[in-house]
Each structure stands twice: as structure tokens, then as C-alpha cells.
Amino acid sequence: MKWSVFLSYARALGYKMSVFLLIAYILSEACAMFSNIWLSKWTEDRDLQNASISNTTFFKHKMNSYLGVYGSFGALESM
């Protein structure tokens, strides 16, 4: 790989902006990874698989908590 190409892009864009974009890309990928981990944790939750408690406040609170965190990861990933 030719690093000189990347360095010439960084010079043209400015080093501060290049570092900022690199950090933003890394954070976006981290959010994508953690949202997948969170989704698997959510689907494996035994309390949410229990259909007999599906109308309880506990179930709704737990479901909303999972949904809120998952939505936050999605929002952060899209920035």
C-alpha cells in the first residue's frame, strides 16, 4: 500500500481534520460492533423470552431499556 497517497490526502485536507475523520470512523465502527453485541445480548435475554410476563411493567421497562441503548448506538453510528 502506498502511504504517500494517504499522506497527500491528509496534507490536502489538513492534519487536524484527517485525525478527526479517522477518530470519527473508528467510533462509528465501534458503535456498529457494539450494537451487534447488544442485539445478541437482547435476543438471548431469558426474561424477554418468557411470554407469560409480556404485559408486565418489568417486561416493558426491560424492553424499552434494550431498545433505547440499541437506538443510541444506531444514532451514534450515523453521525
PDB file of N, CA and C in Angstrom:
ATOM      1  N   MET A   1       0.841  -1.165   0.000  1.00  0.00           N
ATOM      2  CA  MET A   1       0.000   0.000   0.000  1.00  0.00           C
ATOM      3  C   MET A   1       0.893   1.238   0.000  1.00  0.00           C
ATOM      4  N   LYS A   2       0.515   2.186  -0.770  1.00  0.00           N
ATOM      5  CA  LYS A   2       1.287   3.429  -0.870  1.00  0.00           C
ATOM      6  C   LYS A   2       0.794   4.436   0.170  1.00  0.00           C
ATOM      7  N   TRP A   3       1.595   4.617   1.198  1.00  0.00           N
ATOM      8  CA  TRP A   3       1.231   5.565   2.248  1.00  0.00           C
ATOM      9  C   TRP A   3       1.340   7.002   1.776  1.00  0.00           C
ATOM     10  N   SER A   4       2.126   7.231   0.727  1.00  0.00           N
ATOM     11  CA  SER A   4       2.278   8.598   0.233  1.00  0.00           C
ATOM     12  C   SER A   4       0.950   9.150  -0.281  1.00  0.00           C
ATOM     13  N   VAL A   5       0.091   8.270  -0.804  1.00  0.00           N
ATOM     14  CA  VAL A   5      -1.226   8.721  -1.268  1.00  0.00           C
ATOM     15  C   VAL A   5      -2.049   9.214  -0.087  1.00  0.00           C
ATOM     16  N   PHE A   6      -2.066   8.437   0.993  1.00  0.00           N
ATOM     17  CA  PHE A   6      -2.817   8.845   2.171  1.00  0.00           C
ATOM     18  C   PHE A   6      -2.243  10.115   2.797  1.00  0.00           C
ATOM     19  N   LEU A   7      -0.930  10.223   2.800  1.00  0.00           N
ATOM     20  CA  LEU A   7      -0.310  11.437   3.346  1.00  0.00           C
ATOM     21  C   LEU A   7      -0.626  12.656   2.499  1.00  0.00           C
ATOM     22  N   SER A   8      -0.686  12.484   1.189  1.00  0.00           N
ATOM     23  CA  SER A   8      -1.024  13.635   0.334  1.00  0.00           C
ATOM     24  C   SER A   8      -2.480  14.047   0.546  1.00  0.00           C
ATOM     25  N   TYR A   9      -3.385  13.085   0.749  1.00  0.00           N
ATOM     26  CA  TYR A   9      -4.764  13.431   1.091  1.00  0.00           C
ATOM     27  C   TYR A   9      -4.833  14.140   2.434  1.00  0.00           C
ATOM     28  N   ALA A  10      -4.060  13.668   3.413  1.00  0.00           N
ATOM     29  CA  ALA A  10      -4.059  14.281   4.740  1.00  0.00           C
ATOM     30  C   ALA A  10      -3.533  15.711   4.669  1.00  0.00           C
ATOM     31  N   ARG A  11      -2.496  15.921   3.867  1.00  0.00           N
ATOM     32  CA  ARG A  11      -1.967  17.286   3.709  1.00  0.00           C
ATOM     33  C   ARG A  11      -2.995  18.195   3.049  1.00  0.00           C
ATOM     34  N   ALA A  12      -3.673  17.687   2.035  1.00  0.00           N
ATOM     35  CA  ALA A  12      -4.669  18.493   1.327  1.00  0.00           C
ATOM     36  C   ALA A  12      -5.858  18.828   2.223  1.00  0.00           C
ATOM     37  N   LEU A  13      -6.247  17.892   3.053  1.00  0.00           N
ATOM     38  CA  LEU A  13      -7.386  18.095   3.937  1.00  0.00           C
ATOM     39  C   LEU A  13      -6.996  18.843   5.204  1.00  0.00           C
ATOM     40  N   GLY A  14      -5.780  18.703   5.613  1.00  0.00           N
ATOM     41  CA  GLY A  14      -5.312  19.265   6.879  1.00  0.00           C
ATOM     42  C   GLY A  14      -5.191  18.145   7.886  1.00  0.00           C
ATOM     43  N   TYR A  15      -4.123  18.155   8.646  1.00  0.00           N
ATOM     44  CA  TYR A  15      -3.875  17.045   9.564  1.00  0.00           C
ATOM     45  C   TYR A  15      -4.912  16.960  10.677  1.00  0.00           C
ATOM     46  N   LYS A  16      -5.374  18.103  11.175  1.00  0.00           N
ATOM     47  CA  LYS A  16      -6.375  18.080  12.245  1.00  0.00           C
ATOM     48  C   LYS A  16      -7.671  17.449  11.753  1.00  0.00           C
ATOM     49  N   MET A  17      -8.106  17.836  10.561  1.00  0.00           N
ATOM     50  CA  MET A  17      -9.330  17.276  10.015  1.00  0.00           C
ATOM     51  C   MET A  17      -9.148  15.794   9.690  1.00  0.00           C
ATOM     52  N   SER A  18      -7.987  15.409   9.238  1.00  0.00           N
ATOM     53  CA  SER A  18      -7.711  13.997   8.941  1.00  0.00           C
ATOM     54  C   SER A  18      -7.778  13.151  10.201  1.00  0.00           C
ATOM     55  N   VAL A  19      -7.191  13.646  11.277  1.00  0.00           N
ATOM     56  CA  VAL A  19      -7.239  12.919  12.558  1.00  0.00           C
ATOM     57  C   VAL A  19      -8.674  12.851  13.063  1.00  0.00           C
ATOM     58  N   PHE A  20      -9.401  13.960  12.938  1.00  0.00           N
ATOM     59  CA  PHE A  20     -10.799  13.980  13.362  1.00  0.00           C
ATOM     60  C   PHE A  20     -11.617  12.948  12.585  1.00  0.00           C
ATOM     61  N   LEU A  21     -11.445  12.888  11.272  1.00  0.00           N
ATOM     62  CA  LEU A  21     -12.183  11.930  10.457  1.00  0.00           C
ATOM     63  C   LEU A  21     -11.798  10.482  10.775  1.00  0.00           C
ATOM     64  N   LEU A  22     -10.538  10.260  11.054  1.00  0.00           N
ATOM     65  CA  LEU A  22     -10.099   8.920  11.423  1.00  0.00           C
ATOM     66  C   LEU A  22     -10.726   8.480  12.746  1.00  0.00           C
ATOM     67  N   ILE A  23     -10.757   9.376  13.715  1.00  0.00           N
ATOM     68  CA  ILE A  23     -11.373   9.065  15.009  1.00  0.00           C
ATOM     69  C   ILE A  23     -12.874   8.852  14.848  1.00  0.00           C
ATOM     70  N   ALA A  24     -13.526   9.684  14.028  1.00  0.00           N
ATOM     71  CA  ALA A  24     -14.964   9.524  13.784  1.00  0.00           C
ATOM     72  C   ALA A  24     -15.257   8.188  13.117  1.00  0.00           C
ATOM     73  N   TYR A  25     -14.418   7.770  12.196  1.00  0.00           N
ATOM     74  CA  TYR A  25     -14.598   6.484  11.537  1.00  0.00           C
ATOM     75  C   TYR A  25     -14.434   5.337  12.531  1.00  0.00           C
ATOM     76  N   ILE A  26     -13.424   5.422  13.361  1.00  0.00           N
ATOM     77  CA  ILE A  26     -13.189   4.370  14.364  1.00  0.00           C
ATOM     78  C   ILE A  26     -14.367   4.286  15.336  1.00  0.00           C
ATOM     79  N   LEU A  27     -14.885   5.425  15.781  1.00  0.00           N
ATOM     80  CA  LEU A  27     -16.031   5.427  16.690  1.00  0.00           C
ATOM     81  C   LEU A  27     -17.288   4.874  16.020  1.00  0.00           C
ATOM     82  N   SER A  28     -17.470   5.188  14.752  1.00  0.00           N
ATOM     83  CA  SER A  28     -18.618   4.662  14.016  1.00  0.00           C
ATOM     84  C   SER A  28     -18.552   3.145  13.905  1.00  0.00           C
ATOM     85  N   GLU A  29     -17.382   2.631  13.595  1.00  0.00           N
ATOM     86  CA  GLU A  29     -17.215   1.180  13.508  1.00  0.00           C
ATOM     87  C   GLU A  29     -17.372   0.514  14.872  1.00  0.00           C
ATOM     88  N   ALA A  30     -16.906   1.173  15.919  1.00  0.00           N
ATOM     89  CA  ALA A  30     -17.070   0.637  17.277  1.00  0.00           C
ATOM     90  C   ALA A  30     -18.547   0.577  17.648  1.00  0.00           C
ATOM     91  N   CYS A  31     -19.300   1.612  17.297  1.00  0.00           N
ATOM     92  CA  CYS A  31     -20.744   1.601  17.581  1.00  0.00           C
ATOM     93  C   CYS A  31     -21.439   0.497  16.804  1.00  0.00           C
ATOM     94  N   ALA A  32     -21.036   0.261  15.568  1.00  0.00           N
ATOM     95  CA  ALA A  32     -21.624  -0.823  14.777  1.00  0.00           C
ATOM     96  C   ALA A  32     -21.329  -2.171  15.431  1.00  0.00           C
ATOM     97  N   MET A  33     -20.114  -2.340  15.894  1.00  0.00           N
ATOM     98  CA  MET A  33     -19.741  -3.600  16.534  1.00  0.00           C
ATOM     99  C   MET A  33     -20.515  -3.789  17.842  1.00  0.00           C
ATOM    100  N   PHE A  34     -20.560  -2.748  18.670  1.00  0.00           N
ATOM    101  CA  PHE A  34     -21.245  -2.877  19.953  1.00  0.00           C
ATOM    102  C   PHE A  34     -22.756  -3.008  19.781  1.00  0.00           C
ATOM    103  N   SER A  35     -23.329  -2.437  18.724  1.00  0.00           N
ATOM    104  CA  SER A  35     -24.763  -2.625  18.502  1.00  0.00           C
ATOM    105  C   SER A  35     -25.062  -4.075  18.149  1.00  0.00           C
ATOM    106  N   ASN A  36     -24.170  -4.729  17.426  1.00  0.00           N
ATOM    107  CA  ASN A  36     -24.352  -6.161  17.140  1.00  0.00           C
ATOM    108  C   ASN A  36     -24.239  -6.996  18.409  1.00  0.00           C
ATOM    109  N   ILE A  37     -23.291  -6.660  19.260  1.00  0.00           N
ATOM    110  CA  ILE A  37     -23.143  -7.366  20.538  1.00  0.00           C
ATOM    111  C   ILE A  37     -24.386  -7.140  21.402  1.00  0.00           C
ATOM    112  N   TRP A  38     -24.869  -5.904  21.436  1.00  0.00           N
ATOM    113  CA  TRP A  38     -26.043  -5.576  22.238  1.00  0.00           C
ATOM    114  C   TRP A  38     -27.281  -6.306  21.711  1.00  0.00           C
ATOM    115  N   LEU A  39     -27.403  -6.400  20.394  1.00  0.00           N
ATOM    116  CA  LEU A  39     -28.541  -7.087  19.804  1.00  0.00           C
ATOM    117  C   LEU A  39     -28.534  -8.572  20.156  1.00  0.00           C
ATOM    118  N   SER A  40     -27.366  -9.191  20.171  1.00  0.00           N
ATOM    119  CA  SER A  40     -27.303 -10.603  20.552  1.00  0.00           C
ATOM    120  C   SER A  40     -27.603 -10.776  22.039  1.00  0.00           C
ATOM    121  N   LYS A  41     -27.148  -9.831  22.875  1.00  0.00           N
ATOM    122  CA  LYS A  41     -27.477  -9.881  24.307  1.00  0.00           C
ATOM    123  C   LYS A  41     -28.987  -9.728  24.504  1.00  0.00           C
ATOM    124  N   TRP A  42     -29.595  -8.843  23.738  1.00  0.00           N
ATOM    125  CA  TRP A  42     -31.029  -8.587  23.820  1.00  0.00           C
ATOM    126  C   TRP A  42     -31.825  -9.831  23.435  1.00  0.00           C
ATOM    127  N   THR A  43     -31.433 -10.484  22.355  1.00  0.00           N
ATOM    128  CA  THR A  43     -32.194 -11.652  21.896  1.00  0.00           C
ATOM    129  C   THR A  43     -31.986 -12.875  22.784  1.00  0.00           C
ATOM    130  N   GLU A  44     -30.916 -12.903  23.563  1.00  0.00           N
ATOM    131  CA  GLU A  44     -30.661 -14.037  24.447  1.00  0.00           C
ATOM    132  C   GLU A  44     -31.215 -13.833  25.856  1.00  0.00           C
ATOM    133  N   ASP A  45     -31.851 -12.711  26.115  1.00  0.00           N
ATOM    134  CA  ASP A  45     -32.381 -12.423  27.448  1.00  0.00           C
ATOM    135  C   ASP A  45     -33.549 -13.361  27.759  1.00  0.00           C
ATOM    136  N   ARG A  46     -33.393 -14.139  28.822  1.00  0.00           N
ATOM    137  CA  ARG A  46     -34.410 -15.134  29.206  1.00  0.00           C
ATOM    138  C   ARG A  46     -35.717 -14.481  29.663  1.00  0.00           C
ATOM    139  N   ASP A  47     -35.621 -13.322  30.311  1.00  0.00           N
ATOM    140  CA  ASP A  47     -36.833 -12.653  30.777  1.00  0.00           C
ATOM    141  C   ASP A  47     -37.717 -12.224  29.612  1.00  0.00           C
ATOM    142  N   LEU A  48     -37.120 -11.786  28.534  1.00  0.00           N
ATOM    143  CA  LEU A  48     -37.900 -11.328  27.385  1.00  0.00           C
ATOM    144  C   LEU A  48     -38.433 -12.484  26.550  1.00  0.00           C
ATOM    145  N   GLN A  49     -37.883 -13.662  26.728  1.00  0.00           N
ATOM    146  CA  GLN A  49     -38.385 -14.835  26.011  1.00  0.00           C
ATOM    147  C   GLN A  49     -39.583 -15.462  26.723  1.00  0.00           C
ATOM    148  N   ASN A  50     -39.832 -15.045  27.943  1.00  0.00           N
ATOM    149  CA  ASN A  50     -40.938 -15.580  28.735  1.00  0.00           C
ATOM    150  C   ASN A  50     -42.233 -14.863  28.336  1.00  0.00           C
ATOM    151  N   ALA A  51     -43.105 -15.555  27.609  1.00  0.00           N
ATOM    152  CA  ALA A  51     -44.337 -14.946  27.111  1.00  0.00           C
ATOM    153  C   ALA A  51     -45.336 -14.643  28.221  1.00  0.00           C
ATOM    154  N   SER A  52     -45.224 -15.307  29.357  1.00  0.00           N
ATOM    155  CA  SER A  52     -46.201 -15.103  30.428  1.00  0.00           C
ATOM    156  C   SER A  52     -46.057 -13.744  31.116  1.00  0.00           C
ATOM    157  N   ILE A  53     -44.933 -13.084  30.956  1.00  0.00           N
ATOM    158  CA  ILE A  53     -44.757 -11.773  31.599  1.00  0.00           C
ATOM    159  C   ILE A  53     -44.782 -10.636  30.584  1.00  0.00           C
ATOM    160  N   SER A  54     -45.265 -10.905  29.373  1.00  0.00           N
ATOM    161  CA  SER A  54     -45.169  -9.908  28.302  1.00  0.00           C
ATOM    162  C   SER A  54     -46.003  -8.651  28.534  1.00  0.00           C
ATOM    163  N   ASN A  55     -46.983  -8.677  29.433  1.00  0.00           N
ATOM    164  CA  ASN A  55     -47.791  -7.490  29.715  1.00  0.00           C
ATOM    165  C   ASN A  55     -47.445  -6.823  31.033  1.00  0.00           C
ATOM    166  N   THR A  56     -46.331  -7.191  31.624  1.00  0.00           N
ATOM    167  CA  THR A  56     -45.963  -6.613  32.912  1.00  0.00           C
ATOM    168  C   THR A  56     -45.114  -5.353  32.707  1.00  0.00           C
ATOM    169  N   THR A  57     -45.057  -4.551  33.753  1.00  0.00           N
ATOM    170  CA  THR A  57     -44.245  -3.343  33.727  1.00  0.00           C
ATOM    171  C   THR A  57     -42.759  -3.683  33.631  1.00  0.00           C
ATOM    172  N   PHE A  58     -42.356  -4.749  34.304  1.00  0.00           N
ATOM    173  CA  PHE A  58     -40.960  -5.195  34.259  1.00  0.00           C
ATOM    174  C   PHE A  58     -40.539  -5.506  32.824  1.00  0.00           C
ATOM    175  N   PHE A  59     -41.383  -6.241  32.110  1.00  0.00           N
ATOM    176  CA  PHE A  59     -41.092  -6.611  30.729  1.00  0.00           C
ATOM    177  C   PHE A  59     -40.964  -5.366  29.845  1.00  0.00           C
ATOM    178  N   LYS A  60     -41.916  -4.464  29.986  1.00  0.00           N
ATOM    179  CA  LYS A  60     -41.911  -3.247  29.166  1.00  0.00           C
ATOM    180  C   LYS A  60     -40.704  -2.376  29.472  1.00  0.00           C
ATOM    181  N   HIS A  61     -40.357  -2.257  30.758  1.00  0.00           N
ATOM    182  CA  HIS A  61     -39.191  -1.458  31.138  1.00  0.00           C
ATOM    183  C   HIS A  61     -37.910  -2.062  30.576  1.00  0.00           C
ATOM    184  N   LYS A  62     -37.790  -3.371  30.683  1.00  0.00           N
ATOM    185  CA  LYS A  62     -36.591  -4.042  30.184  1.00  0.00           C
ATOM    186  C   LYS A  62     -36.499  -3.933  28.662  1.00  0.00           C
ATOM    187  N   MET A  63     -37.620  -4.093  27.973  1.00  0.00           N
ATOM    188  CA  MET A  63     -37.646  -3.978  26.517  1.00  0.00           C
ATOM    189  C   MET A  63     -37.282  -2.552  26.091  1.00  0.00           C
ATOM    190  N   ASN A  64     -37.837  -1.563  26.775  1.00  0.00           N
ATOM    191  CA  ASN A  64     -37.519  -0.170  26.445  1.00  0.00           C
ATOM    192  C   ASN A  64     -36.057   0.162  26.718  1.00  0.00           C
ATOM    193  N   SER A  65     -35.485  -0.432  27.753  1.00  0.00           N
ATOM    194  CA  SER A  65     -34.064  -0.216  28.047  1.00  0.00           C
ATOM    195  C   SER A  65     -33.188  -0.755  26.926  1.00  0.00           C
ATOM    196  N   TYR A  66     -33.477  -1.978  26.502  1.00  0.00           N
ATOM    197  CA  TYR A  66     -32.720  -2.557  25.392  1.00  0.00           C
ATOM    198  C   TYR A  66     -32.886  -1.722  24.118  1.00  0.00           C
ATOM    199  N   LEU A  67     -34.116  -1.320  23.847  1.00  0.00           N
ATOM    200  CA  LEU A  67     -34.388  -0.544  22.651  1.00  0.00           C
ATOM    201  C   LEU A  67     -33.705   0.816  22.687  1.00  0.00           C
ATOM    202  N   GLY A  68     -33.679   1.446  23.854  1.00  0.00           N
ATOM    203  CA  GLY A  68     -33.022   2.746  23.992  1.00  0.00           C
ATOM    204  C   GLY A  68     -31.530   2.682  23.741  1.00  0.00           C
ATOM    205  N   VAL A  69     -30.882   1.674  24.304  1.00  0.00           N
ATOM    206  CA  VAL A  69     -29.438   1.530  24.096  1.00  0.00           C
ATOM    207  C   VAL A  69     -29.143   1.202  22.638  1.00  0.00           C
ATOM    208  N   TYR A  70     -29.939   0.302  22.059  1.00  0.00           N
ATOM    209  CA  TYR A  70     -29.732  -0.073  20.656  1.00  0.00           C
ATOM    210  C   TYR A  70     -29.953   1.131  19.732  1.00  0.00           C
ATOM    211  N   GLY A  71     -30.975   1.920  20.019  1.00  0.00           N
ATOM    212  CA  GLY A  71     -31.240   3.130  19.239  1.00  0.00           C
ATOM    213  C   GLY A  71     -30.124   4.156  19.391  1.00  0.00           C
ATOM    214  N   SER A  72     -29.565   4.262  20.580  1.00  0.00           N
ATOM    215  CA  SER A  72     -28.440   5.181  20.805  1.00  0.00           C
ATOM    216  C   SER A  72     -27.222   4.790  19.998  1.00  0.00           C
ATOM    217  N   PHE A  73     -26.928   3.477  19.958  1.00  0.00           N
ATOM    218  CA  PHE A  73     -25.824   3.016  19.123  1.00  0.00           C
ATOM    219  C   PHE A  73     -26.072   3.352  17.658  1.00  0.00           C
ATOM    220  N   GLY A  74     -27.305   3.175  17.206  1.00  0.00           N
ATOM    221  CA  GLY A  74     -27.632   3.497  15.815  1.00  0.00           C
ATOM    222  C   GLY A  74     -27.474   4.976  15.512  1.00  0.00           C
ATOM    223  N   ALA A  75     -27.913   5.821  16.449  1.00  0.00           N
ATOM    224  CA  ALA A  75     -27.782   7.261  16.262  1.00  0.00           C
ATOM    225  C   ALA A  75     -26.321   7.691  16.242  1.00  0.00           C
ATOM    226  N   LEU A  76     -25.532   7.142  17.160  1.00  0.00           N
ATOM    227  CA  LEU A  76     -24.093   7.475  17.193  1.00  0.00           C
ATOM    228  C   LEU A  76     -23.384   6.967  15.954  1.00  0.00           C
ATOM    229  N   GLU A  77     -23.800   5.827  15.462  1.00  0.00           N
ATOM    230  CA  GLU A  77     -23.166   5.257  14.272  1.00  0.00           C
ATOM    231  C   GLU A  77     -23.430   6.116  13.037  1.00  0.00           C
ATOM    232  N   SER A  78     -24.586   6.757  12.993  1.00  0.00           N
ATOM    233  CA  SER A  78     -24.931   7.536  11.814  1.00  0.00           C
ATOM    234  C   SER A  78     -24.312   8.937  11.790  1.00  0.00           C
ATOM    235  N   MET A  79     -23.737   9.358  12.890  1.00  0.00           N
ATOM    236  CA  MET A  79     -23.153  10.706  12.934  1.00  0.00           C
ATOM    237  C   MET A  79     -21.899  10.815  12.137  1.00  0.00           C
TER     238      MET A  79
END
